[in-house]
Amino acid sequence: MRPGSEAFVESFLKMSWLDEHFTHIAMHNQTPLQITRFARAYILRLIGGFMLPDHSSSRISVRYLPLLEDFELTGQYNWGSAVLGYLYRELCMATNIDRVAIGGLTALIVIWAWDRFLHIAPINPPYSRPYLPYGVRWLSHGIRSGKKDVHYYRYIFGYLYM
């Protein structure tokens, strides 16, 4: 299955095209080749939509496709370093005054910031559930629903630390 030219924005594939064609595995006949293609599409969605998203989170760079050719090699890549490297780059780019958003796995930064800067953290820290992974403890505090942008945090940190 190949996307048409309408599924692209420059060198980015629209996430809506992946959603339309690869949402449920039951949509395919489930031959080994189709399952492999579905797995590639699913991993591509994880990479471009969660681990290394751009600012819009509505499109995925096609530069990640060659990384999914051989699943044995794909499993040996150091994805954690890639996520952190991408996030660090996005943080550096966010220092530009004209920048209003940060790409990357920003949930890591939010969890780190909430833990270290209590004045921006939710009122009830999640220390009451030590049996859960650290990031999961914060989920009930709205980490996904935070709509504050870079300008807000620049203001807060500029105001508090001047």
Protein backbone atom coordinates (compact mmCIF):
# COMPACT_ATOMS: atom_id res chain seq x y z
CA MET A 1 0.00 0.00 0.00
CA ARG A 2 1.56 3.25 -1.11
CA PRO A 3 0.34 6.67 -0.09
CA GLY A 4 -0.60 9.10 -2.83
CA SER A 5 0.87 12.56 -3.16
CA GLU A 6 -2.04 14.02 -1.16
CA ALA A 7 -0.82 12.05 1.90
CA PHE A 8 2.43 14.05 2.00
CA VAL A 9 3.41 17.50 3.13
CA GLU A 10 6.89 17.99 1.71
CA SER A 11 8.88 15.02 3.10
CA PHE A 12 6.36 14.28 5.84
CA LEU A 13 3.62 11.65 5.77
CA LYS A 14 0.32 12.75 7.27
CA MET A 15 -0.61 10.87 10.43
CA SER A 16 -4.22 10.83 9.21
CA TRP A 17 -3.18 8.59 6.29
CA LEU A 18 -1.64 6.07 8.70
CA ASP A 19 -4.73 6.28 10.90
CA GLU A 20 -6.98 5.61 7.93
CA HIS A 21 -5.07 2.59 6.64
CA PHE A 22 -3.34 1.08 9.67
CA THR A 23 -5.52 1.65 12.72
CA HIS A 24 -6.65 -1.94 13.28
CA ILE A 25 -4.82 -5.08 12.28
CA ALA A 26 -8.17 -6.69 11.48
CA MET A 27 -8.39 -4.40 8.44
CA HIS A 28 -5.79 -6.61 6.75
CA ASN A 29 -5.95 -10.24 5.61
CA GLN A 30 -3.26 -11.07 8.13
CA THR A 31 -0.80 -12.77 5.83
CA PRO A 32 2.75 -12.62 7.22
CA LEU A 33 3.65 -9.87 4.75
CA GLN A 34 0.63 -7.76 5.75
CA ILE A 35 1.35 -8.23 9.45
CA THR A 36 4.93 -7.09 8.85
CA ARG A 37 3.68 -4.02 7.00
CA PHE A 38 1.22 -3.29 9.78
CA ALA A 39 4.03 -3.60 12.35
CA ARG A 40 6.18 -1.17 10.35
CA ALA A 41 3.32 1.32 10.17
CA TYR A 42 2.66 0.94 13.91
CA ILE A 43 6.33 1.46 14.78
CA LEU A 44 6.46 4.44 12.42
CA ARG A 45 3.51 5.95 14.29
CA LEU A 46 5.33 5.38 17.61
CA ILE A 47 8.51 6.98 16.34
CA GLY A 48 6.94 9.96 14.60
CA GLY A 49 3.96 10.46 16.87
CA PHE A 50 5.37 9.75 20.31
CA MET A 51 9.14 9.32 20.53
CA LEU A 52 10.35 11.87 17.97
CA PRO A 53 7.33 14.01 17.11
CA ASP A 54 7.52 17.32 15.31
CA HIS A 55 5.64 20.35 16.64
CA SER A 56 2.34 19.46 15.03
CA SER A 57 2.25 15.72 15.87
CA SER A 58 0.11 15.40 12.74
CA ARG A 59 2.83 14.24 10.37
CA ILE A 60 5.79 11.89 10.40
CA SER A 61 9.10 12.32 8.64
CA VAL A 62 9.72 9.60 6.06
CA ARG A 63 13.41 9.59 7.02
CA TYR A 64 12.56 6.96 9.65
CA LEU A 65 11.34 4.40 7.11
CA PRO A 66 14.80 2.94 6.28
CA LEU A 67 15.27 2.21 9.99
CA LEU A 68 12.33 -0.22 9.83
CA GLU A 69 13.54 -2.42 6.96
CA ASP A 70 15.10 -5.10 9.19
CA PHE A 71 13.34 -5.67 12.52
CA GLU A 72 16.40 -7.39 14.04
CA LEU A 73 18.47 -4.27 13.42
CA THR A 74 15.62 -2.01 14.50
CA GLY A 75 15.54 -3.73 17.88
CA GLN A 76 19.26 -3.13 18.38
CA TYR A 77 19.14 0.64 17.87
CA ASN A 78 19.56 2.79 20.95
CA TRP A 79 16.16 4.50 20.81
CA GLY A 80 16.54 6.09 24.26
CA SER A 81 19.61 8.02 23.15
CA ALA A 82 17.84 9.09 19.98
CA VAL A 83 14.87 10.38 21.98
CA LEU A 84 17.08 12.30 24.40
CA GLY A 85 19.26 13.70 21.61
CA TYR A 86 16.20 14.89 19.72
CA LEU A 87 14.71 16.38 22.87
CA TYR A 88 17.95 18.22 23.73
CA ARG A 89 18.07 19.65 20.22
CA GLU A 90 14.46 20.81 20.51
CA LEU A 91 15.20 22.42 23.88
CA CYS A 92 18.12 24.31 22.35
CA MET A 93 15.89 25.45 19.50
CA ALA A 94 13.23 26.55 22.02
CA THR A 95 15.61 29.21 23.30
CA ASN A 96 14.98 31.15 20.08
CA ILE A 97 12.56 33.93 20.97
CA ASP A 98 10.40 33.31 17.90
CA ARG A 99 9.82 29.67 18.86
CA VAL A 100 6.47 28.87 20.53
CA ALA A 101 6.53 25.06 20.71
CA ILE A 102 8.88 22.21 21.47
CA GLY A 103 8.96 18.92 19.58
CA GLY A 104 10.14 15.65 21.04
CA LEU A 105 9.04 13.61 24.01
CA THR A 106 8.30 16.62 26.18
CA ALA A 107 6.62 14.50 28.84
CA LEU A 108 10.13 13.64 30.07
CA ILE A 109 10.90 17.33 30.56
CA VAL A 110 7.57 17.98 32.27
CA ILE A 111 8.09 15.13 34.75
CA TRP A 112 11.65 16.26 35.45
CA ALA A 113 10.55 19.90 35.90
CA TRP A 114 7.63 19.03 38.16
CA ASP A 115 9.96 17.00 40.35
CA ARG A 116 12.58 19.74 40.66
CA PHE A 117 10.56 22.99 40.46
CA LEU A 118 7.69 22.48 42.85
CA HIS A 119 6.13 25.90 42.12
CA ILE A 120 5.13 24.72 38.62
CA ALA A 121 4.13 21.19 39.72
CA PRO A 122 0.57 20.04 40.41
CA ILE A 123 -0.51 20.50 44.01
CA ASN A 124 -0.39 16.84 45.06
CA PRO A 125 2.86 15.15 43.99
CA PRO A 126 2.52 11.46 43.15
CA TYR A 127 4.77 10.07 45.87
CA SER A 128 1.90 8.09 47.38
CA ARG A 129 2.12 5.33 44.73
CA PRO A 130 5.73 4.08 44.83
CA TYR A 131 4.82 0.73 43.22
CA LEU A 132 4.14 2.43 39.86
CA PRO A 133 6.82 3.60 37.40
CA TYR A 134 7.73 7.20 38.10
CA GLY A 135 6.25 8.67 34.92
CA VAL A 136 2.95 6.82 35.36
CA ARG A 137 2.47 8.34 38.81
CA TRP A 138 2.08 11.78 37.20
CA LEU A 139 -0.55 10.74 34.65
CA SER A 140 -3.46 11.42 36.98
CA HIS A 141 -2.14 14.97 37.32
CA GLY A 142 -2.86 15.89 33.75
CA ILE A 143 0.52 15.57 32.06
CA ARG A 144 -1.26 14.95 28.77
CA SER A 145 -3.68 17.81 29.08
CA GLY A 146 -1.19 20.56 29.90
CA LYS A 147 -1.63 23.24 27.22
CA LYS A 148 0.95 25.71 28.49
CA ASP A 149 3.39 26.79 25.82
CA VAL A 150 7.00 27.92 25.79
CA HIS A 151 6.04 31.57 26.36
CA TYR A 152 4.30 30.68 29.64
CA TYR A 153 7.33 28.85 31.05
CA ARG A 154 9.72 31.57 29.87
CA TYR A 155 7.60 34.07 31.80
CA ILE A 156 7.42 31.91 34.94
CA PHE A 157 11.13 31.19 35.08
CA GLY A 158 12.04 34.76 34.11
CA TYR A 159 9.79 36.14 36.85
CA LEU A 160 10.93 33.74 39.58
CA TYR A 161 14.65 33.73 38.86
CA MET A 162 15.40 37.37 38.03
